[in-house]
Amino acid sequence: MHPILFRFFFLGKDIIIGTYGVMMVAAIAAGVLLSLAISRKYGYHAGSFINYCFLIIAGVIGGALFAGFIIFMPERFGREFIDYPPALVSWGGIAGGLVALLIIKFIFKEKFLLLADIATPGYLIGLGIGRIGCLFAGCCYGIYTSSCIGVTFTDPMASASLMKQPLVPTQLISALFLMSVGLAFIPIVMRRKNTGLGFGCSAIAYSIFRFFIEFWRDDPRIFIFGMSDGQVFSIIYCMMGIAIVIYSISHELS
């Protein structure tokens, strides 16, 4: 693929603009703009809601970096920490975003599930755009396949290029699923009924997909009880989603 989008010299320095970084910026922008649009339906003023968005973004980035630091700890020890580049882990970003929502709830007295509903389409579509960045960077790659869907990575900067080619395009499959589900949830969360139902259902849908797509991924993972870290998170996230759906429906019926 194309890990480097632009490369040029400026003031005697070699400036590199990575495709992955550009896609991450696009993912954040898309998620924020969509969340702002949905928040207006709930009576929020864009000027005030954008502050919540910044806090959530900080939580997402912080959580993704922290999870990446923990998951790739063995590699860091092998390369004396400082030589190993920072890694972003998507489920860590989700967890960090939820922590940010809890902070907003207690400090600003906002409703956690309401904000989660508003953010649901944006975070799903943002994750989808981020997976396209993974495709360009050559990370989060799939297992070898001889089928027609295989993608060949040739850029030596991409870690996927070291594997037997072609590979299952797990990044594209994930991107298509996440953006499709994100778009599908827009009318659901816009109805302003069953607060938390949209977020709960999205958590279940994401968890089931993530659990099974992991079987087709072949990048280095840490396993617990024979499962990847993504699968362990999926189980926990799915259980949380089920609990929220039950709470939302029972609360509406009462």
Protein backbone atom coordinates (compact mmCIF):
# COMPACT_ATOMS: atom_id res chain seq x y z
CA MET A 1 0.00 0.00 0.00
CA HIS A 2 1.15 3.57 0.60
CA PRO A 3 2.34 4.23 4.19
CA ILE A 4 3.74 7.62 3.10
CA LEU A 5 1.26 10.06 1.56
CA PHE A 6 3.64 12.99 1.03
CA ARG A 7 7.37 13.43 1.43
CA PHE A 8 9.22 16.67 0.85
CA PHE A 9 12.16 18.75 2.07
CA PHE A 10 11.56 21.96 3.99
CA LEU A 11 14.29 24.12 5.52
CA GLY A 12 16.75 21.29 5.06
CA LYS A 13 14.56 18.74 6.82
CA ASP A 14 12.93 15.63 5.41
CA ILE A 15 9.20 16.01 6.09
CA ILE A 16 7.04 12.88 5.95
CA ILE A 17 3.23 12.93 6.00
CA GLY A 18 2.00 9.43 6.81
CA THR A 19 -1.22 8.15 5.24
CA TYR A 20 -2.23 6.52 8.52
CA GLY A 21 -1.97 9.82 10.38
CA VAL A 22 -3.99 11.66 7.75
CA MET A 23 -6.72 9.02 7.93
CA MET A 24 -6.78 9.27 11.72
CA VAL A 25 -7.34 13.02 11.45
CA ALA A 26 -10.11 12.40 8.90
CA ALA A 27 -11.67 9.79 11.22
CA ILE A 28 -11.71 12.19 14.17
CA ALA A 29 -13.10 15.02 12.05
CA ALA A 30 -15.87 12.84 10.62
CA GLY A 31 -16.81 11.54 14.07
CA VAL A 32 -16.91 15.03 15.59
CA LEU A 33 -18.90 16.62 12.77
CA LEU A 34 -21.48 13.83 12.77
CA SER A 35 -21.81 13.93 16.56
CA LEU A 36 -22.26 17.70 16.47
CA ALA A 37 -25.02 17.35 13.89
CA ILE A 38 -26.84 14.72 15.95
CA SER A 39 -26.40 16.70 19.18
CA ARG A 40 -28.44 19.56 17.71
CA LYS A 41 -31.41 17.19 17.56
CA TYR A 42 -31.09 16.82 21.33
CA GLY A 43 -30.97 20.57 21.92
CA TYR A 44 -27.24 21.00 22.40
CA HIS A 45 -25.52 24.13 21.17
CA ALA A 46 -22.56 23.35 18.94
CA GLY A 47 -20.30 25.73 20.85
CA SER A 48 -20.80 23.87 24.12
CA PHE A 49 -20.96 20.33 22.76
CA ILE A 50 -17.62 20.74 20.97
CA ASN A 51 -15.99 20.91 24.40
CA TYR A 52 -17.34 17.46 25.16
CA CYS A 53 -15.98 16.28 21.82
CA PHE A 54 -12.48 17.47 22.71
CA LEU A 55 -12.63 15.61 26.01
CA ILE A 56 -13.83 12.45 24.27
CA ILE A 57 -11.08 12.75 21.65
CA ALA A 58 -8.50 13.06 24.41
CA GLY A 59 -9.93 9.94 26.05
CA VAL A 60 -9.94 8.02 22.77
CA ILE A 61 -6.35 8.88 21.86
CA GLY A 62 -5.11 8.38 25.40
CA GLY A 63 -6.88 5.04 25.73
CA ALA A 64 -5.65 3.82 22.34
CA LEU A 65 -2.04 4.75 23.18
CA PHE A 66 -2.22 3.22 26.65
CA ALA A 67 -3.64 -0.04 25.31
CA GLY A 68 -0.96 -0.09 22.62
CA PHE A 69 1.72 0.45 25.26
CA ILE A 70 0.44 -2.48 27.34
CA ILE A 71 -0.27 -4.88 24.47
CA PHE A 72 3.16 -4.46 22.87
CA MET A 73 5.07 -4.46 26.16
CA PRO A 74 7.14 -7.57 25.24
CA GLU A 75 8.28 -5.89 22.00
CA ARG A 76 9.16 -2.75 23.94
CA PHE A 77 11.34 -4.68 26.35
CA GLY A 78 13.05 -6.28 23.37
CA ARG A 79 13.82 -2.90 21.82
CA GLU A 80 14.53 -0.93 25.00
CA PHE A 81 11.20 0.90 25.04
CA ILE A 82 12.26 4.13 23.37
CA ASP A 83 13.07 2.45 20.06
CA TYR A 84 9.59 0.95 19.70
CA PRO A 85 7.11 3.30 17.99
CA PRO A 86 3.81 4.19 19.70
CA ALA A 87 0.86 2.02 18.70
CA LEU A 88 -2.85 2.78 18.66
CA VAL A 89 -5.24 -0.02 19.65
CA SER A 90 -8.86 0.54 18.61
CA TRP A 91 -10.51 -1.16 21.58
CA GLY A 92 -8.36 0.96 23.88
CA GLY A 93 -9.75 4.03 22.13
CA ILE A 94 -13.31 2.84 22.76
CA ALA A 95 -12.53 2.22 26.43
CA GLY A 96 -10.86 5.64 26.73
CA GLY A 97 -13.86 7.31 25.12
CA LEU A 98 -16.19 5.65 27.64
CA VAL A 99 -14.00 6.86 30.50
CA ALA A 100 -14.22 10.38 29.07
CA LEU A 101 -18.02 10.07 28.95
CA LEU A 102 -18.05 9.06 32.62
CA ILE A 103 -15.93 12.08 33.50
CA ILE A 104 -18.33 14.35 31.60
CA LYS A 105 -21.26 12.72 33.39
CA PHE A 106 -19.92 13.39 36.88
CA ILE A 107 -18.32 16.79 36.29
CA PHE A 108 -20.92 18.36 34.01
CA LYS A 109 -23.95 16.34 35.23
CA GLU A 110 -24.73 15.02 31.76
CA LYS A 111 -26.49 11.73 30.97
CA PHE A 112 -23.94 9.06 30.09
CA LEU A 113 -26.23 7.00 27.84
CA LEU A 114 -27.56 10.07 26.06
CA LEU A 115 -24.06 11.21 25.12
CA ALA A 116 -23.14 7.64 24.18
CA ASP A 117 -26.12 7.50 21.82
CA ILE A 118 -25.14 10.79 20.21
CA ALA A 119 -21.56 9.60 19.70
CA THR A 120 -22.47 6.14 18.39
CA PRO A 121 -22.69 6.79 14.61
CA GLY A 122 -19.65 9.05 14.69
CA TYR A 123 -17.40 6.63 16.53
CA LEU A 124 -18.39 3.72 14.27
CA ILE A 125 -17.77 5.67 11.08
CA GLY A 126 -14.57 7.08 12.55
CA LEU A 127 -13.36 3.56 13.30
CA GLY A 128 -14.20 2.58 9.74
CA ILE A 129 -12.15 5.43 8.30
CA GLY A 130 -9.33 4.51 10.67
CA ARG A 131 -9.33 0.96 9.28
CA ILE A 132 -8.71 2.39 5.82
CA GLY A 133 -5.65 4.04 7.37
CA CYS A 134 -4.62 0.59 8.61
CA LEU A 135 -4.85 -0.72 5.06
CA PHE A 136 -2.53 2.00 3.76
CA ALA A 137 -0.12 1.50 6.66
CA GLY A 138 -0.07 -2.27 6.22
CA CYS A 139 -1.06 -3.08 9.79
CA CYS A 140 -3.98 -5.10 11.22
CA TYR A 141 -3.56 -7.39 8.22
CA GLY A 142 -5.25 -10.70 7.54
CA ILE A 143 -4.08 -14.26 7.02
CA TYR A 144 -2.82 -15.65 3.74
CA THR A 145 -5.48 -16.41 1.14
CA SER A 146 -5.47 -17.77 -2.37
CA SER A 147 -8.96 -16.41 -3.06
CA CYS A 148 -9.84 -13.52 -5.35
CA ILE A 149 -10.30 -11.11 -2.43
CA GLY A 150 -6.61 -11.24 -1.47
CA VAL A 151 -4.59 -8.02 -1.26
CA THR A 152 -0.84 -7.94 -1.87
CA PHE A 153 1.34 -5.62 0.21
CA THR A 154 4.61 -4.67 -1.48
CA ASP A 155 5.83 -1.55 0.31
CA PRO A 156 8.75 -2.61 2.57
CA MET A 157 7.63 -0.09 5.21
CA ALA A 158 4.40 -2.04 5.74
CA SER A 159 4.73 -4.87 8.25
CA ALA A 160 2.22 -6.84 6.19
CA SER A 161 4.74 -7.01 3.32
CA LEU A 162 6.82 -9.48 5.35
CA MET A 163 4.03 -12.05 5.28
CA LYS A 164 3.20 -14.60 2.59
CA GLN A 165 1.06 -12.79 0.00
CA PRO A 166 -1.78 -12.14 -0.75
CA LEU A 167 -3.65 -11.51 2.50
CA VAL A 168 -7.29 -11.32 3.55
CA PRO A 169 -8.19 -7.59 3.49
CA THR A 170 -9.47 -7.52 7.07
CA GLN A 171 -8.99 -3.74 7.11
CA LEU A 172 -11.36 -3.19 4.17
CA ILE A 173 -13.88 -5.69 5.50
CA SER A 174 -13.85 -3.92 8.87
CA ALA A 175 -14.10 -0.48 7.25
CA LEU A 176 -17.10 -1.51 5.16
CA PHE A 177 -18.88 -3.05 8.15
CA LEU A 178 -18.19 -0.19 10.56
CA MET A 179 -19.19 2.61 8.19
CA SER A 180 -22.33 0.75 7.06
CA VAL A 181 -23.42 0.11 10.66
CA GLY A 182 -22.58 3.68 11.62
CA LEU A 183 -24.80 5.05 8.86
CA ALA A 184 -27.57 2.61 9.82
CA PHE A 185 -27.56 3.85 13.42
CA ILE A 186 -28.05 7.52 12.51
CA PRO A 187 -31.88 7.29 12.18
CA ILE A 188 -32.02 5.07 15.28
CA VAL A 189 -30.33 7.57 17.59
CA MET A 190 -32.18 10.49 16.01
CA ARG A 191 -35.52 9.18 17.26
CA ARG A 192 -34.77 10.26 20.84
CA LYS A 193 -36.42 7.13 22.27
CA ASN A 194 -34.99 4.44 24.53
CA THR A 195 -31.90 6.35 25.66
CA GLY A 196 -28.95 4.02 25.46
CA LEU A 197 -30.59 1.57 23.08
CA GLY A 198 -28.60 2.76 20.06
CA PHE A 199 -25.30 2.61 21.89
CA GLY A 200 -26.09 -0.76 23.47
CA CYS A 201 -27.04 -2.33 20.14
CA SER A 202 -23.95 -0.88 18.46
CA ALA A 203 -21.75 -2.36 21.19
CA ILE A 204 -23.27 -5.80 20.59
CA ALA A 205 -22.95 -5.53 16.80
CA TYR A 206 -19.34 -4.32 16.97
CA SER A 207 -18.36 -6.97 19.50
CA ILE A 208 -19.76 -9.87 17.49
CA PHE A 209 -18.08 -8.65 14.31
CA ARG A 210 -14.76 -7.94 16.03
CA PHE A 211 -14.72 -11.33 17.74
CA PHE A 212 -15.07 -13.23 14.47
CA ILE A 213 -12.89 -10.99 12.25
CA GLU A 214 -10.04 -11.74 14.65
CA PHE A 215 -9.92 -15.30 13.30
CA TRP A 216 -8.84 -13.87 9.93
CA ARG A 217 -6.22 -11.49 11.33
CA ASP A 218 -2.56 -12.51 11.33
CA ASP A 219 -0.67 -9.59 12.84
CA PRO A 220 1.13 -10.20 16.16
CA ARG A 221 -1.31 -10.47 19.05
CA ILE A 222 -1.23 -11.25 22.73
CA PHE A 223 -3.44 -14.22 23.58
CA ILE A 224 -5.33 -14.93 26.79
CA PHE A 225 -6.98 -18.32 27.11
CA GLY A 226 -6.44 -18.84 23.40
CA MET A 227 -8.10 -15.55 22.45
CA SER A 228 -6.66 -12.28 21.20
CA ASP A 229 -6.91 -9.10 23.22
CA GLY A 230 -9.56 -7.91 20.74
CA GLN A 231 -11.68 -10.98 21.39
CA VAL A 232 -11.43 -10.60 25.16
CA PHE A 233 -12.52 -6.98 24.83
CA SER A 234 -15.35 -8.02 22.51
CA ILE A 235 -16.78 -10.37 25.13
CA ILE A 236 -16.69 -7.69 27.83
CA TYR A 237 -18.05 -5.00 25.49
CA CYS A 238 -20.85 -7.29 24.29
CA MET A 239 -21.91 -8.07 27.86
CA MET A 240 -22.00 -4.35 28.60
CA GLY A 241 -24.06 -3.73 25.47
CA ILE A 242 -26.58 -6.42 26.43
CA ALA A 243 -26.92 -4.94 29.94
CA ILE A 244 -27.51 -1.46 28.49
CA VAL A 245 -30.12 -2.73 26.03
CA ILE A 246 -31.99 -4.54 28.82
CA TYR A 247 -31.83 -1.43 31.00
CA SER A 248 -32.99 0.84 28.17
CA ILE A 249 -35.99 -1.32 27.24
CA SER A 250 -37.04 -1.95 30.84
CA HIS A 251 -36.67 1.74 31.65
CA GLU A 252 -38.89 2.65 28.70
CA LEU A 253 -41.54 0.09 29.68
CA SER A 254 -41.62 1.35 33.25
